[in-house]
């Protein structure tokens, strides 16, 4: 929804996407989405993808160095870049960290969804025709049956009390694979599941 909001706002010109990838596995850190799926997603969104390879888990100083390098790469293509946007919703300490970190290297953080009520936001995502799949579940917060499901009205209705509808507390992660922003939907297949840290259940989403 953050990208949707930015693209609809005439104040902003979105020039690309940026994310971290674990160097050894070529997967998105934490979400565990394959790099091949991520690249297909960016292509379907018709936006360049800047990859930020790191050795995950990374010490903070290594993460910051890789972050600064990735942003510098973006500026080599578009020299007048000043802002980077995040989809954070209400975690104030995370927002403060992002703002302080970016300020040190000459960037400004933008939060287009900040403090929006998450239940209506999740419902609006579904109603707008965006489609996503739950790729990761924190088993300390949600049953494993939620992993691999479509993020839709039925899922939202079944979320236990206290679980954020957008997974902002880390209850789950999703992968958007179709919708009004996509040139064409991604053709995906769900593979095996695996558990990290005896807590996070991931489903291996692959391209067909």
C-alpha atoms as a PDB file:
ATOM      1  CA  UNK A   1       0.000   0.000   0.000  1.00  0.00           C
ATOM      2  CA  UNK A   2       2.939   2.347   0.542  1.00  0.00           C
ATOM      3  CA  UNK A   3       3.870   2.087  -3.145  1.00  0.00           C
ATOM      4  CA  UNK A   4       0.233   2.493  -4.172  1.00  0.00           C
ATOM      5  CA  UNK A   5      -0.032   5.640  -2.069  1.00  0.00           C
ATOM      6  CA  UNK A   6       3.193   7.146  -3.419  1.00  0.00           C
ATOM      7  CA  UNK A   7       2.310   6.497  -7.054  1.00  0.00           C
ATOM      8  CA  UNK A   8      -1.033   8.249  -6.547  1.00  0.00           C
ATOM      9  CA  UNK A   9       0.592  11.313  -4.954  1.00  0.00           C
ATOM     10  CA  UNK A  10       1.772  13.947  -7.477  1.00  0.00           C
ATOM     11  CA  UNK A  11       4.425  15.150  -5.018  1.00  0.00           C
ATOM     12  CA  UNK A  12       6.452  11.998  -5.561  1.00  0.00           C
ATOM     13  CA  UNK A  13       8.226  10.390  -8.499  1.00  0.00           C
ATOM     14  CA  UNK A  14       9.010   6.782  -7.631  1.00  0.00           C
ATOM     15  CA  UNK A  15      12.165   5.742  -9.478  1.00  0.00           C
ATOM     16  CA  UNK A  16      12.911   2.317  -8.035  1.00  0.00           C
ATOM     17  CA  UNK A  17      12.701  -0.312  -5.326  1.00  0.00           C
ATOM     18  CA  UNK A  18      15.363  -1.334  -2.817  1.00  0.00           C
ATOM     19  CA  UNK A  19      15.629  -4.375  -0.583  1.00  0.00           C
ATOM     20  CA  UNK A  20      18.132  -6.519   1.297  1.00  0.00           C
ATOM     21  CA  UNK A  21      19.138  -9.964   0.087  1.00  0.00           C
ATOM     22  CA  UNK A  22      21.122 -12.546   2.008  1.00  0.00           C
ATOM     23  CA  UNK A  23      24.282 -13.008  -0.023  1.00  0.00           C
ATOM     24  CA  UNK A  24      24.590 -16.757   0.538  1.00  0.00           C
ATOM     25  CA  UNK A  25      20.974 -17.782  -0.112  1.00  0.00           C
ATOM     26  CA  UNK A  26      19.829 -15.017  -2.503  1.00  0.00           C
ATOM     27  CA  UNK A  27      16.707 -14.581  -0.401  1.00  0.00           C
ATOM     28  CA  UNK A  28      15.116 -11.516   1.179  1.00  0.00           C
ATOM     29  CA  UNK A  29      16.338 -11.165   4.748  1.00  0.00           C
ATOM     30  CA  UNK A  30      13.623 -12.144   7.282  1.00  0.00           C
ATOM     31  CA  UNK A  31      10.897 -12.685   4.658  1.00  0.00           C
ATOM     32  CA  UNK A  32      12.943 -15.491   3.022  1.00  0.00           C
ATOM     33  CA  UNK A  33      11.487 -14.752  -0.443  1.00  0.00           C
ATOM     34  CA  UNK A  34      13.659 -15.953  -3.324  1.00  0.00           C
ATOM     35  CA  UNK A  35      15.607 -13.307  -5.218  1.00  0.00           C
ATOM     36  CA  UNK A  36      14.181 -14.655  -8.484  1.00  0.00           C
ATOM     37  CA  UNK A  37      10.638 -13.969  -7.248  1.00  0.00           C
ATOM     38  CA  UNK A  38      11.603 -10.506  -6.047  1.00  0.00           C
ATOM     39  CA  UNK A  39      13.104  -9.626  -9.445  1.00  0.00           C
ATOM     40  CA  UNK A  40      10.000 -10.875 -11.236  1.00  0.00           C
ATOM     41  CA  UNK A  41       7.862  -8.765  -8.903  1.00  0.00           C
ATOM     42  CA  UNK A  42       9.879  -5.612  -9.653  1.00  0.00           C
ATOM     43  CA  UNK A  43       9.679  -6.308 -13.397  1.00  0.00           C
ATOM     44  CA  UNK A  44       5.889  -6.725 -13.175  1.00  0.00           C
ATOM     45  CA  UNK A  45       5.696  -3.424 -11.290  1.00  0.00           C
ATOM     46  CA  UNK A  46       7.814  -1.828 -14.046  1.00  0.00           C
ATOM     47  CA  UNK A  47      10.304  -0.411 -11.556  1.00  0.00           C
ATOM     48  CA  UNK A  48      14.076  -0.918 -11.327  1.00  0.00           C
ATOM     49  CA  UNK A  49      15.270  -3.008  -8.389  1.00  0.00           C
ATOM     50  CA  UNK A  50      18.350  -2.050  -6.391  1.00  0.00           C
ATOM     51  CA  UNK A  51      19.604  -5.076  -4.497  1.00  0.00           C
ATOM     52  CA  UNK A  52      21.401  -4.676  -1.185  1.00  0.00           C
ATOM     53  CA  UNK A  53      23.403  -7.888  -0.606  1.00  0.00           C
ATOM     54  CA  UNK A  54      24.433  -8.588   2.981  1.00  0.00           C
ATOM     55  CA  UNK A  55      25.650 -11.540   5.019  1.00  0.00           C
ATOM     56  CA  UNK A  56      22.560 -12.224   7.130  1.00  0.00           C
ATOM     57  CA  UNK A  57      22.332 -11.826  10.053  1.00  0.00           C
ATOM     58  CA  UNK A  58      24.576  -8.795   9.763  1.00  0.00           C
ATOM     59  CA  UNK A  59      26.194  -6.638  12.465  1.00  0.00           C
ATOM     60  CA  UNK A  60      24.627  -3.195  12.498  1.00  0.00           C
ATOM     61  CA  UNK A  61      27.716  -1.478  11.085  1.00  0.00           C
ATOM     62  CA  UNK A  62      27.811  -3.901   8.129  1.00  0.00           C
ATOM     63  CA  UNK A  63      24.114  -3.355   7.462  1.00  0.00           C
ATOM     64  CA  UNK A  64      24.535   0.419   7.508  1.00  0.00           C
ATOM     65  CA  UNK A  65      27.531   0.263   5.166  1.00  0.00           C
ATOM     66  CA  UNK A  66      25.584  -1.861   2.675  1.00  0.00           C
ATOM     67  CA  UNK A  67      22.588   0.465   2.980  1.00  0.00           C
ATOM     68  CA  UNK A  68      24.701   3.547   2.255  1.00  0.00           C
ATOM     69  CA  UNK A  69      26.323   1.813  -0.729  1.00  0.00           C
ATOM     70  CA  UNK A  70      22.934   0.836  -2.180  1.00  0.00           C
ATOM     71  CA  UNK A  71      21.626   4.388  -1.836  1.00  0.00           C
ATOM     72  CA  UNK A  72      24.745   5.745  -3.496  1.00  0.00           C
ATOM     73  CA  UNK A  73      24.132   3.337  -6.383  1.00  0.00           C
ATOM     74  CA  UNK A  74      20.625   4.766  -6.709  1.00  0.00           C
ATOM     75  CA  UNK A  75      21.988   8.300  -6.839  1.00  0.00           C
ATOM     76  CA  UNK A  76      24.418   7.394  -9.597  1.00  0.00           C
ATOM     77  CA  UNK A  77      21.402   6.710 -11.799  1.00  0.00           C
ATOM     78  CA  UNK A  78      19.235   9.554 -10.486  1.00  0.00           C
ATOM     79  CA  UNK A  79      21.515  12.201  -8.916  1.00  0.00           C
ATOM     80  CA  UNK A  80      18.757  14.361  -7.430  1.00  0.00           C
ATOM     81  CA  UNK A  81      17.287  11.630  -5.224  1.00  0.00           C
ATOM     82  CA  UNK A  82      16.585  12.844  -1.689  1.00  0.00           C
ATOM     83  CA  UNK A  83      13.970  10.534  -0.128  1.00  0.00           C
ATOM     84  CA  UNK A  84      13.446   6.855   0.543  1.00  0.00           C
ATOM     85  CA  UNK A  85      10.018   5.597   1.613  1.00  0.00           C
ATOM     86  CA  UNK A  86       9.141   2.840   4.072  1.00  0.00           C
ATOM     87  CA  UNK A  87       5.899   1.008   4.733  1.00  0.00           C
ATOM     88  CA  UNK A  88       6.189   1.269   8.516  1.00  0.00           C
ATOM     89  CA  UNK A  89       2.889   1.901  10.279  1.00  0.00           C
ATOM     90  CA  UNK A  90       3.339   2.624  13.977  1.00  0.00           C
ATOM     91  CA  UNK A  91       6.621   1.334  15.444  1.00  0.00           C
ATOM     92  CA  UNK A  92       8.053   4.650  16.650  1.00  0.00           C
ATOM     93  CA  UNK A  93      11.493   3.332  17.648  1.00  0.00           C
ATOM     94  CA  UNK A  94      12.015   1.859  14.182  1.00  0.00           C
ATOM     95  CA  UNK A  95      10.943   5.102  12.539  1.00  0.00           C
ATOM     96  CA  UNK A  96      13.336   7.110  14.711  1.00  0.00           C
ATOM     97  CA  UNK A  97      16.200   4.759  13.845  1.00  0.00           C
ATOM     98  CA  UNK A  98      15.503   5.033  10.120  1.00  0.00           C
ATOM     99  CA  UNK A  99      15.261   8.823  10.258  1.00  0.00           C
ATOM    100  CA  UNK A 100      18.478   9.233  12.243  1.00  0.00           C
ATOM    101  CA  UNK A 101      20.385   6.742  10.087  1.00  0.00           C
ATOM    102  CA  UNK A 102      19.339   8.358   6.822  1.00  0.00           C
ATOM    103  CA  UNK A 103      19.966  11.885   8.054  1.00  0.00           C
ATOM    104  CA  UNK A 104      23.605  10.961   8.730  1.00  0.00           C
ATOM    105  CA  UNK A 105      24.124  10.019   5.081  1.00  0.00           C
ATOM    106  CA  UNK A 106      22.143  12.851   3.518  1.00  0.00           C
ATOM    107  CA  UNK A 107      18.759  11.241   2.911  1.00  0.00           C
ATOM    108  CA  UNK A 108      15.237  11.809   4.219  1.00  0.00           C
ATOM    109  CA  UNK A 109      12.868   9.025   5.277  1.00  0.00           C
ATOM    110  CA  UNK A 110       9.233   9.136   4.193  1.00  0.00           C
ATOM    111  CA  UNK A 111       6.391   7.132   5.778  1.00  0.00           C
ATOM    112  CA  UNK A 112       3.275   7.384   3.570  1.00  0.00           C
ATOM    113  CA  UNK A 113       1.167   5.060   5.749  1.00  0.00           C
ATOM    114  CA  UNK A 114       2.229   6.323   9.163  1.00  0.00           C
ATOM    115  CA  UNK A 115      -0.358   5.949  11.945  1.00  0.00           C
ATOM    116  CA  UNK A 116      -3.109   4.738   9.627  1.00  0.00           C
ATOM    117  CA  UNK A 117      -5.450   2.278  11.396  1.00  0.00           C
ATOM    118  CA  UNK A 118      -4.244  -1.115  10.269  1.00  0.00           C
ATOM    119  CA  UNK A 119      -7.538  -3.012  10.072  1.00  0.00           C
ATOM    120  CA  UNK A 120      -9.109  -0.549   7.570  1.00  0.00           C
ATOM    121  CA  UNK A 121      -5.787  -0.364   5.722  1.00  0.00           C
ATOM    122  CA  UNK A 122      -5.624  -4.135   5.303  1.00  0.00           C
ATOM    123  CA  UNK A 123      -9.253  -4.214   4.157  1.00  0.00           C
ATOM    124  CA  UNK A 124      -8.579  -1.422   1.647  1.00  0.00           C
ATOM    125  CA  UNK A 125      -5.603  -3.382   0.277  1.00  0.00           C
ATOM    126  CA  UNK A 126      -7.825  -6.377  -0.419  1.00  0.00           C
ATOM    127  CA  UNK A 127     -10.747  -4.330  -1.752  1.00  0.00           C
ATOM    128  CA  UNK A 128      -8.468  -2.481  -4.188  1.00  0.00           C
ATOM    129  CA  UNK A 129      -7.638  -5.785  -5.868  1.00  0.00           C
ATOM    130  CA  UNK A 130      -4.132  -6.291  -4.524  1.00  0.00           C
ATOM    131  CA  UNK A 131      -3.288  -9.954  -3.986  1.00  0.00           C
ATOM    132  CA  UNK A 132      -0.705 -11.292  -1.568  1.00  0.00           C
ATOM    133  CA  UNK A 133       0.300 -14.568   0.024  1.00  0.00           C
ATOM    134  CA  UNK A 134       1.462 -15.108   3.601  1.00  0.00           C
ATOM    135  CA  UNK A 135       5.057 -16.305   3.279  1.00  0.00           C
ATOM    136  CA  UNK A 136       6.169 -16.271   6.922  1.00  0.00           C
ATOM    137  CA  UNK A 137       4.381 -16.841  10.223  1.00  0.00           C
ATOM    138  CA  UNK A 138       5.731 -16.260  13.719  1.00  0.00           C
ATOM    139  CA  UNK A 139       4.615 -19.456  15.436  1.00  0.00           C
ATOM    140  CA  UNK A 140       4.755 -17.725  18.809  1.00  0.00           C
ATOM    141  CA  UNK A 141       1.898 -15.509  17.618  1.00  0.00           C
ATOM    142  CA  UNK A 142      -0.047 -17.378  14.909  1.00  0.00           C
ATOM    143  CA  UNK A 143      -0.907 -21.001  14.072  1.00  0.00           C
ATOM    144  CA  UNK A 144       1.038 -22.585  11.220  1.00  0.00           C
ATOM    145  CA  UNK A 145      -2.187 -22.921   9.212  1.00  0.00           C
ATOM    146  CA  UNK A 146      -1.907 -19.244   8.236  1.00  0.00           C
ATOM    147  CA  UNK A 147       1.367 -19.824   6.373  1.00  0.00           C
ATOM    148  CA  UNK A 148       0.897 -20.055   2.607  1.00  0.00           C
ATOM    149  CA  UNK A 149      -2.634 -18.618   2.635  1.00  0.00           C
ATOM    150  CA  UNK A 150      -3.902 -15.801   0.470  1.00  0.00           C
ATOM    151  CA  UNK A 151      -4.117 -12.488   2.307  1.00  0.00           C
ATOM    152  CA  UNK A 152      -7.817 -11.848   1.811  1.00  0.00           C
ATOM    153  CA  UNK A 153     -10.997 -10.948   3.667  1.00  0.00           C
ATOM    154  CA  UNK A 154     -11.396 -14.491   4.993  1.00  0.00           C
ATOM    155  CA  UNK A 155      -7.917 -14.468   6.490  1.00  0.00           C
ATOM    156  CA  UNK A 156      -8.472 -11.059   8.071  1.00  0.00           C
ATOM    157  CA  UNK A 157     -11.687 -12.294   9.659  1.00  0.00           C
ATOM    158  CA  UNK A 158      -9.876 -15.292  11.153  1.00  0.00           C
ATOM    159  CA  UNK A 159      -6.935 -13.448  12.717  1.00  0.00           C
ATOM    160  CA  UNK A 160      -6.893 -14.032  16.481  1.00  0.00           C
ATOM    161  CA  UNK A 161      -7.547 -11.134  18.810  1.00  0.00           C
ATOM    162  CA  UNK A 162      -4.446  -9.023  19.363  1.00  0.00           C
ATOM    163  CA  UNK A 163      -2.870  -9.862  16.000  1.00  0.00           C
ATOM    164  CA  UNK A 164      -2.261  -6.792  13.877  1.00  0.00           C
ATOM    165  CA  UNK A 165      -4.104  -6.957  10.554  1.00  0.00           C
ATOM    166  CA  UNK A 166      -0.981  -5.828   8.687  1.00  0.00           C
ATOM    167  CA  UNK A 167       1.443  -7.963  10.698  1.00  0.00           C
ATOM    168  CA  UNK A 168       3.222  -4.843  11.923  1.00  0.00           C
ATOM    169  CA  UNK A 169       4.426  -6.561  15.095  1.00  0.00           C
ATOM    170  CA  UNK A 170       6.097  -9.293  13.056  1.00  0.00           C
ATOM    171  CA  UNK A 171       3.203 -11.749  13.315  1.00  0.00           C
ATOM    172  CA  UNK A 172       3.484 -12.568   9.608  1.00  0.00           C
ATOM    173  CA  UNK A 173       5.044 -11.404   6.346  1.00  0.00           C
ATOM    174  CA  UNK A 174       3.423 -11.323   2.914  1.00  0.00           C
ATOM    175  CA  UNK A 175       4.400 -11.231  -0.749  1.00  0.00           C
ATOM    176  CA  UNK A 176       2.252  -9.167  -3.121  1.00  0.00           C
ATOM    177  CA  UNK A 177       1.977 -11.004  -6.440  1.00  0.00           C
ATOM    178  CA  UNK A 178      -0.877  -9.356  -8.379  1.00  0.00           C
ATOM    179  CA  UNK A 179      -3.084  -6.308  -8.462  1.00  0.00           C
ATOM    180  CA  UNK A 180      -3.682  -2.951 -10.124  1.00  0.00           C
ATOM    181  CA  UNK A 181      -0.003  -1.954 -10.035  1.00  0.00           C
ATOM    182  CA  UNK A 182       1.189  -5.109 -11.823  1.00  0.00           C
ATOM    183  CA  UNK A 183       1.608  -5.336 -15.589  1.00  0.00           C
ATOM    184  CA  UNK A 184       0.712  -9.010 -15.162  1.00  0.00           C
ATOM    185  CA  UNK A 185       0.298 -11.298 -12.145  1.00  0.00           C
ATOM    186  CA  UNK A 186       3.204 -13.432 -11.023  1.00  0.00           C
ATOM    187  CA  UNK A 187       2.764 -17.145 -11.698  1.00  0.00           C
ATOM    188  CA  UNK A 188       3.823 -18.772  -8.438  1.00  0.00           C
ATOM    189  CA  UNK A 189       3.841 -22.170  -6.798  1.00  0.00           C
ATOM    190  CA  UNK A 190       4.204 -22.937  -3.099  1.00  0.00           C
ATOM    191  CA  UNK A 191       6.943 -25.395  -2.210  1.00  0.00           C
ATOM    192  CA  UNK A 192       8.117 -26.891   1.057  1.00  0.00           C
ATOM    193  CA  UNK A 193       7.980 -25.172   4.429  1.00  0.00           C
ATOM    194  CA  UNK A 194      10.895 -24.672   6.804  1.00  0.00           C
ATOM    195  CA  UNK A 195      11.349 -23.204  10.268  1.00  0.00           C
ATOM    196  CA  UNK A 196      14.007 -20.697  11.315  1.00  0.00           C
ATOM    197  CA  UNK A 197      15.105 -20.094  14.888  1.00  0.00           C
ATOM    198  CA  UNK A 198      12.510 -22.680  16.025  1.00  0.00           C
ATOM    199  CA  UNK A 199       9.912 -19.959  15.565  1.00  0.00           C
ATOM    200  CA  UNK A 200       9.462 -18.540  12.060  1.00  0.00           C
ATOM    201  CA  UNK A 201       7.687 -20.796   9.578  1.00  0.00           C
ATOM    202  CA  UNK A 202       8.395 -19.971   5.912  1.00  0.00           C
ATOM    203  CA  UNK A 203       6.854 -21.372   2.761  1.00  0.00           C
ATOM    204  CA  UNK A 204       9.157 -21.539  -0.267  1.00  0.00           C
ATOM    205  CA  UNK A 205       7.395 -19.533  -2.991  1.00  0.00           C
ATOM    206  CA  UNK A 206       8.791 -20.182  -6.481  1.00  0.00           C
ATOM    207  CA  UNK A 207       8.098 -19.003 -10.005  1.00  0.00           C
ATOM    208  CA  UNK A 208       6.224 -21.467 -12.186  1.00  0.00           C
END
